[in-house]
Amino acid sequence: MENREYNIGTRVMMKKSHPCGSNCWEITRVGADIKIKCINCQRAVLIPRIEFNKKLKKVISEEG
């Protein structure tokens, strides 16, 4: 995935699903690290931007 800018509120689909069964996430913080929140169970995870870009499958909806 190319280097791009992300906005807070953008919904994304990751390659691997969360243990709760969902693979849809919402971006809640953007910086050197990106914080994403599971749409299903509301669990938040903070991951480095480089790792996020590798694990991203597709952008579902743009917000912001």
PDB file of N, CA and C in Angstrom:
ATOM      1  N   MET A   1       0.856  -1.177   0.000  1.00  0.00           N
ATOM      2  CA  MET A   1       0.000   0.000   0.000  1.00  0.00           C
ATOM      3  C   MET A   1       0.904   1.243   0.000  1.00  0.00           C
ATOM      4  N   GLU A   2       0.555   2.239  -0.788  1.00  0.00           N
ATOM      5  CA  GLU A   2       1.371   3.436  -0.885  1.00  0.00           C
ATOM      6  C   GLU A   2       1.280   4.268   0.387  1.00  0.00           C
ATOM      7  N   ASN A   3       2.256   5.143   0.572  1.00  0.00           N
ATOM      8  CA  ASN A   3       2.214   6.064   1.710  1.00  0.00           C
ATOM      9  C   ASN A   3       1.125   7.079   1.442  1.00  0.00           C
ATOM     10  N   ARG A   4       0.231   7.240   2.402  1.00  0.00           N
ATOM     11  CA  ARG A   4      -0.861   8.181   2.228  1.00  0.00           C
ATOM     12  C   ARG A   4      -1.256   8.767   3.563  1.00  0.00           C
ATOM     13  N   GLU A   5      -2.052   9.802   3.505  1.00  0.00           N
ATOM     14  CA  GLU A   5      -2.544  10.449   4.716  1.00  0.00           C
ATOM     15  C   GLU A   5      -3.880   9.832   5.104  1.00  0.00           C
ATOM     16  N   TYR A   6      -4.086   9.671   6.384  1.00  0.00           N
ATOM     17  CA  TYR A   6      -5.339   9.120   6.897  1.00  0.00           C
ATOM     18  C   TYR A   6      -6.011  10.169   7.763  1.00  0.00           C
ATOM     19  N   ASN A   7      -7.329  10.137   7.826  1.00  0.00           N
ATOM     20  CA  ASN A   7      -8.098  11.072   8.629  1.00  0.00           C
ATOM     21  C   ASN A   7      -8.757  10.343   9.786  1.00  0.00           C
ATOM     22  N   ILE A   8      -8.988  11.068  10.870  1.00  0.00           N
ATOM     23  CA  ILE A   8      -9.704  10.500  12.013  1.00  0.00           C
ATOM     24  C   ILE A   8     -11.137  10.222  11.568  1.00  0.00           C
ATOM     25  N   GLY A   9     -11.647   9.053  11.937  1.00  0.00           N
ATOM     26  CA  GLY A   9     -13.002   8.663  11.561  1.00  0.00           C
ATOM     27  C   GLY A   9     -13.069   7.794  10.323  1.00  0.00           C
ATOM     28  N   THR A  10     -11.939   7.634   9.618  1.00  0.00           N
ATOM     29  CA  THR A  10     -11.904   6.779   8.434  1.00  0.00           C
ATOM     30  C   THR A  10     -12.044   5.322   8.854  1.00  0.00           C
ATOM     31  N   ARG A  11     -12.883   4.581   8.155  1.00  0.00           N
ATOM     32  CA  ARG A  11     -13.060   3.156   8.447  1.00  0.00           C
ATOM     33  C   ARG A  11     -12.224   2.348   7.469  1.00  0.00           C
ATOM     34  N   VAL A  12     -11.485   1.368   8.023  1.00  0.00           N
ATOM     35  CA  VAL A  12     -10.583   0.555   7.222  1.00  0.00           C
ATOM     36  C   VAL A  12     -10.814  -0.925   7.489  1.00  0.00           C
ATOM     37  N   MET A  13     -10.394  -1.750   6.534  1.00  0.00           N
ATOM     38  CA  MET A  13     -10.445  -3.198   6.695  1.00  0.00           C
ATOM     39  C   MET A  13      -9.009  -3.697   6.743  1.00  0.00           C
ATOM     40  N   MET A  14      -8.698  -4.475   7.779  1.00  0.00           N
ATOM     41  CA  MET A  14      -7.353  -5.021   7.936  1.00  0.00           C
ATOM     42  C   MET A  14      -7.301  -6.432   7.364  1.00  0.00           C
ATOM     43  N   LYS A  15      -6.074  -6.928   7.067  1.00  0.00           N
ATOM     44  CA  LYS A  15      -5.917  -8.253   6.475  1.00  0.00           C
ATOM     45  C   LYS A  15      -6.343  -9.369   7.424  1.00  0.00           C
ATOM     46  N   LYS A  16      -5.962  -9.258   8.693  1.00  0.00           N
ATOM     47  CA  LYS A  16      -6.332 -10.279   9.672  1.00  0.00           C
ATOM     48  C   LYS A  16      -7.490  -9.768  10.523  1.00  0.00           C
ATOM     49  N   SER A  17      -8.375 -10.667  10.914  1.00  0.00           N
ATOM     50  CA  SER A  17      -9.506 -10.257  11.732  1.00  0.00           C
ATOM     51  C   SER A  17      -9.114 -10.204  13.207  1.00  0.00           C
ATOM     52  N   HIS A  18      -9.836  -9.411  13.963  1.00  0.00           N
ATOM     53  CA  HIS A  18      -9.663  -9.281  15.408  1.00  0.00           C
ATOM     54  C   HIS A  18     -10.223 -10.545  16.066  1.00  0.00           C
ATOM     55  N   PRO A  19      -9.765 -10.935  17.248  1.00  0.00           N
ATOM     56  CA  PRO A  19     -10.307 -12.128  17.914  1.00  0.00           C
ATOM     57  C   PRO A  19     -11.832 -12.114  18.100  1.00  0.00           C
ATOM     58  N   CYS A  20     -12.450 -10.930  18.107  1.00  0.00           N
ATOM     59  CA  CYS A  20     -13.908 -10.862  18.237  1.00  0.00           C
ATOM     60  C   CYS A  20     -14.607 -11.261  16.935  1.00  0.00           C
ATOM     61  N   GLY A  21     -13.844 -11.372  15.826  1.00  0.00           N
ATOM     62  CA  GLY A  21     -14.407 -11.810  14.554  1.00  0.00           C
ATOM     63  C   GLY A  21     -14.525 -10.730  13.498  1.00  0.00           C
ATOM     64  N   SER A  22     -14.358  -9.476  13.878  1.00  0.00           N
ATOM     65  CA  SER A  22     -14.489  -8.368  12.928  1.00  0.00           C
ATOM     66  C   SER A  22     -13.116  -7.977  12.380  1.00  0.00           C
ATOM     67  N   ASN A  23     -13.071  -7.520  11.134  1.00  0.00           N
ATOM     68  CA  ASN A  23     -11.819  -6.972  10.608  1.00  0.00           C
ATOM     69  C   ASN A  23     -12.019  -5.527  10.136  1.00  0.00           C
ATOM     70  N   CYS A  24     -13.086  -4.879  10.618  1.00  0.00           N
ATOM     71  CA  CYS A  24     -13.363  -3.479  10.316  1.00  0.00           C
ATOM     72  C   CYS A  24     -12.966  -2.610  11.513  1.00  0.00           C
ATOM     73  N   TRP A  25     -12.214  -1.552  11.235  1.00  0.00           N
ATOM     74  CA  TRP A  25     -11.679  -0.677  12.268  1.00  0.00           C
ATOM     75  C   TRP A  25     -11.930   0.780  11.907  1.00  0.00           C
ATOM     76  N   GLU A  26     -11.941   1.650  12.917  1.00  0.00           N
ATOM     77  CA  GLU A  26     -12.066   3.093  12.719  1.00  0.00           C
ATOM     78  C   GLU A  26     -10.813   3.762  13.258  1.00  0.00           C
ATOM     79  N   ILE A  27     -10.230   4.678  12.481  1.00  0.00           N
ATOM     80  CA  ILE A  27      -9.033   5.397  12.910  1.00  0.00           C
ATOM     81  C   ILE A  27      -9.434   6.471  13.909  1.00  0.00           C
ATOM     82  N   THR A  28      -8.788   6.462  15.100  1.00  0.00           N
ATOM     83  CA  THR A  28      -9.116   7.440  16.137  1.00  0.00           C
ATOM     84  C   THR A  28      -7.963   8.390  16.448  1.00  0.00           C
ATOM     85  N   ARG A  29      -6.736   8.079  15.995  1.00  0.00           N
ATOM     86  CA  ARG A  29      -5.586   8.956  16.202  1.00  0.00           C
ATOM     87  C   ARG A  29      -4.600   8.754  15.063  1.00  0.00           C
ATOM     88  N   VAL A  30      -4.026   9.855  14.588  1.00  0.00           N
ATOM     89  CA  VAL A  30      -3.077   9.796  13.478  1.00  0.00           C
ATOM     90  C   VAL A  30      -1.804  10.524  13.889  1.00  0.00           C
ATOM     91  N   GLY A  31      -0.673   9.934  13.585  1.00  0.00           N
ATOM     92  CA  GLY A  31       0.638  10.526  13.872  1.00  0.00           C
ATOM     93  C   GLY A  31       1.689   9.549  13.393  1.00  0.00           C
ATOM     94  N   ALA A  32       2.807   9.455  14.128  1.00  0.00           N
ATOM     95  CA  ALA A  32       3.820   8.453  13.810  1.00  0.00           C
ATOM     96  C   ALA A  32       3.227   7.064  14.047  1.00  0.00           C
ATOM     97  N   ASP A  33       2.343   6.976  15.051  1.00  0.00           N
ATOM     98  CA  ASP A  33       1.577   5.768  15.316  1.00  0.00           C
ATOM     99  C   ASP A  33       0.126   6.040  14.951  1.00  0.00           C
ATOM    100  N   ILE A  34      -0.594   4.993  14.588  1.00  0.00           N
ATOM    101  CA  ILE A  34      -2.012   5.136  14.255  1.00  0.00           C
ATOM    102  C   ILE A  34      -2.819   4.311  15.249  1.00  0.00           C
ATOM    103  N   LYS A  35      -3.822   4.938  15.847  1.00  0.00           N
ATOM    104  CA  LYS A  35      -4.690   4.254  16.809  1.00  0.00           C
ATOM    105  C   LYS A  35      -5.982   3.894  16.092  1.00  0.00           C
ATOM    106  N   ILE A  36      -6.323   2.621  16.151  1.00  0.00           N
ATOM    107  CA  ILE A  36      -7.554   2.157  15.515  1.00  0.00           C
ATOM    108  C   ILE A  36      -8.436   1.486  16.548  1.00  0.00           C
ATOM    109  N   LYS A  37      -9.756   1.588  16.347  1.00  0.00           N
ATOM    110  CA  LYS A  37     -10.739   1.022  17.269  1.00  0.00           C
ATOM    111  C   LYS A  37     -11.591   0.028  16.514  1.00  0.00           C
ATOM    112  N   CYS A  38     -11.758  -1.166  17.081  1.00  0.00           N
ATOM    113  CA  CYS A  38     -12.581  -2.205  16.465  1.00  0.00           C
ATOM    114  C   CYS A  38     -14.036  -1.746  16.421  1.00  0.00           C
ATOM    115  N   ILE A  39     -14.677  -1.897  15.293  1.00  0.00           N
ATOM    116  CA  ILE A  39     -16.069  -1.479  15.133  1.00  0.00           C
ATOM    117  C   ILE A  39     -16.998  -2.366  15.973  1.00  0.00           C
ATOM    118  N   ASN A  40     -16.656  -3.643  16.095  1.00  0.00           N
ATOM    119  CA  ASN A  40     -17.516  -4.605  16.784  1.00  0.00           C
ATOM    120  C   ASN A  40     -17.431  -4.506  18.304  1.00  0.00           C
ATOM    121  N   CYS A  41     -16.206  -4.591  18.862  1.00  0.00           N
ATOM    122  CA  CYS A  41     -16.066  -4.684  20.320  1.00  0.00           C
ATOM    123  C   CYS A  41     -15.496  -3.419  20.971  1.00  0.00           C
ATOM    124  N   GLN A  42     -15.167  -2.406  20.179  1.00  0.00           N
ATOM    125  CA  GLN A  42     -14.659  -1.112  20.656  1.00  0.00           C
ATOM    126  C   GLN A  42     -13.260  -1.171  21.266  1.00  0.00           C
ATOM    127  N   ARG A  43     -12.504  -2.255  21.078  1.00  0.00           N
ATOM    128  CA  ARG A  43     -11.134  -2.365  21.580  1.00  0.00           C
ATOM    129  C   ARG A  43     -10.237  -1.467  20.745  1.00  0.00           C
ATOM    130  N   ALA A  44      -9.342  -0.718  21.401  1.00  0.00           N
ATOM    131  CA  ALA A  44      -8.435   0.189  20.701  1.00  0.00           C
ATOM    132  C   ALA A  44      -7.019  -0.388  20.682  1.00  0.00           C
ATOM    133  N   VAL A  45      -6.318  -0.195  19.561  1.00  0.00           N
ATOM    134  CA  VAL A  45      -4.959  -0.691  19.375  1.00  0.00           C
ATOM    135  C   VAL A  45      -4.121   0.432  18.764  1.00  0.00           C
ATOM    136  N   LEU A  46      -2.912   0.620  19.293  1.00  0.00           N
ATOM    137  CA  LEU A  46      -1.987   1.621  18.772  1.00  0.00           C
ATOM    138  C   LEU A  46      -0.856   0.887  18.069  1.00  0.00           C
ATOM    139  N   ILE A  47      -0.689   1.140  16.758  1.00  0.00           N
ATOM    140  CA  ILE A  47       0.363   0.463  15.993  1.00  0.00           C
ATOM    141  C   ILE A  47       1.167   1.485  15.181  1.00  0.00           C
ATOM    142  N   PRO A  48       2.448   1.197  14.939  1.00  0.00           N
ATOM    143  CA  PRO A  48       3.263   2.108  14.122  1.00  0.00           C
ATOM    144  C   PRO A  48       2.692   2.241  12.707  1.00  0.00           C
ATOM    145  N   ARG A  49       2.857   3.417  12.116  1.00  0.00           N
ATOM    146  CA  ARG A  49       2.314   3.699  10.780  1.00  0.00           C
ATOM    147  C   ARG A  49       2.824   2.708   9.729  1.00  0.00           C
ATOM    148  N   ILE A  50       4.106   2.332   9.789  1.00  0.00           N
ATOM    149  CA  ILE A  50       4.675   1.399   8.806  1.00  0.00           C
ATOM    150  C   ILE A  50       3.981   0.040   8.905  1.00  0.00           C
ATOM    151  N   GLU A  51       3.777  -0.432  10.126  1.00  0.00           N
ATOM    152  CA  GLU A  51       3.091  -1.710  10.338  1.00  0.00           C
ATOM    153  C   GLU A  51       1.629  -1.614   9.891  1.00  0.00           C
ATOM    154  N   PHE A  52       0.985  -0.477  10.170  1.00  0.00           N
ATOM    155  CA  PHE A  52      -0.405  -0.252   9.745  1.00  0.00           C
ATOM    156  C   PHE A  52      -0.520  -0.351   8.228  1.00  0.00           C
ATOM    157  N   ASN A  53       0.413   0.287   7.505  1.00  0.00           N
ATOM    158  CA  ASN A  53       0.382   0.259   6.043  1.00  0.00           C
ATOM    159  C   ASN A  53       0.531  -1.159   5.507  1.00  0.00           C
ATOM    160  N   LYS A  54       1.332  -1.991   6.174  1.00  0.00           N
ATOM    161  CA  LYS A  54       1.519  -3.376   5.747  1.00  0.00           C
ATOM    162  C   LYS A  54       0.273  -4.220   5.989  1.00  0.00           C
ATOM    163  N   LYS A  55      -0.433  -3.955   7.098  1.00  0.00           N
ATOM    164  CA  LYS A  55      -1.579  -4.779   7.494  1.00  0.00           C
ATOM    165  C   LYS A  55      -2.904  -4.297   6.912  1.00  0.00           C
ATOM    166  N   LEU A  56      -2.925  -3.116   6.297  1.00  0.00           N
ATOM    167  CA  LEU A  56      -4.152  -2.554   5.733  1.00  0.00           C
ATOM    168  C   LEU A  56      -4.571  -3.313   4.472  1.00  0.00           C
ATOM    169  N   LYS A  57      -5.831  -3.692   4.402  1.00  0.00           N
ATOM    170  CA  LYS A  57      -6.361  -4.347   3.215  1.00  0.00           C
ATOM    171  C   LYS A  57      -7.007  -3.330   2.291  1.00  0.00           C
ATOM    172  N   LYS A  58      -7.958  -2.530   2.843  1.00  0.00           N
ATOM    173  CA  LYS A  58      -8.586  -1.485   2.034  1.00  0.00           C
ATOM    174  C   LYS A  58      -9.257  -0.446   2.926  1.00  0.00           C
ATOM    175  N   VAL A  59      -9.486   0.735   2.349  1.00  0.00           N
ATOM    176  CA  VAL A  59     -10.208   1.795   3.033  1.00  0.00           C
ATOM    177  C   VAL A  59     -11.676   1.649   2.693  1.00  0.00           C
ATOM    178  N   ILE A  60     -12.528   1.533   3.716  1.00  0.00           N
ATOM    179  CA  ILE A  60     -13.964   1.331   3.502  1.00  0.00           C
ATOM    180  C   ILE A  60     -14.666   2.663   3.246  1.00  0.00           C
ATOM    181  N   SER A  61     -14.453   3.641   4.146  1.00  0.00           N
ATOM    182  CA  SER A  61     -15.090   4.949   3.963  1.00  0.00           C
ATOM    183  C   SER A  61     -14.177   6.042   4.479  1.00  0.00           C
ATOM    184  N   GLU A  62     -14.109   7.135   3.756  1.00  0.00           N
ATOM    185  CA  GLU A  62     -13.308   8.297   4.125  1.00  0.00           C
ATOM    186  C   GLU A  62     -14.183   9.233   4.949  1.00  0.00           C
ATOM    187  N   GLU A  63     -13.654   9.706   6.059  1.00  0.00           N
ATOM    188  CA  GLU A  63     -14.347  10.687   6.897  1.00  0.00           C
ATOM    189  C   GLU A  63     -13.385  11.814   7.190  1.00  0.00           C
ATOM    190  N   GLY A  64     -13.927  12.932   7.638  1.00  0.00           N
ATOM    191  CA  GLY A  64     -13.078  14.035   8.073  1.00  0.00           C
ATOM    192  C   GLY A  64     -12.796  15.051   7.058  1.00  0.00           C
TER     193      GLY A  64
END
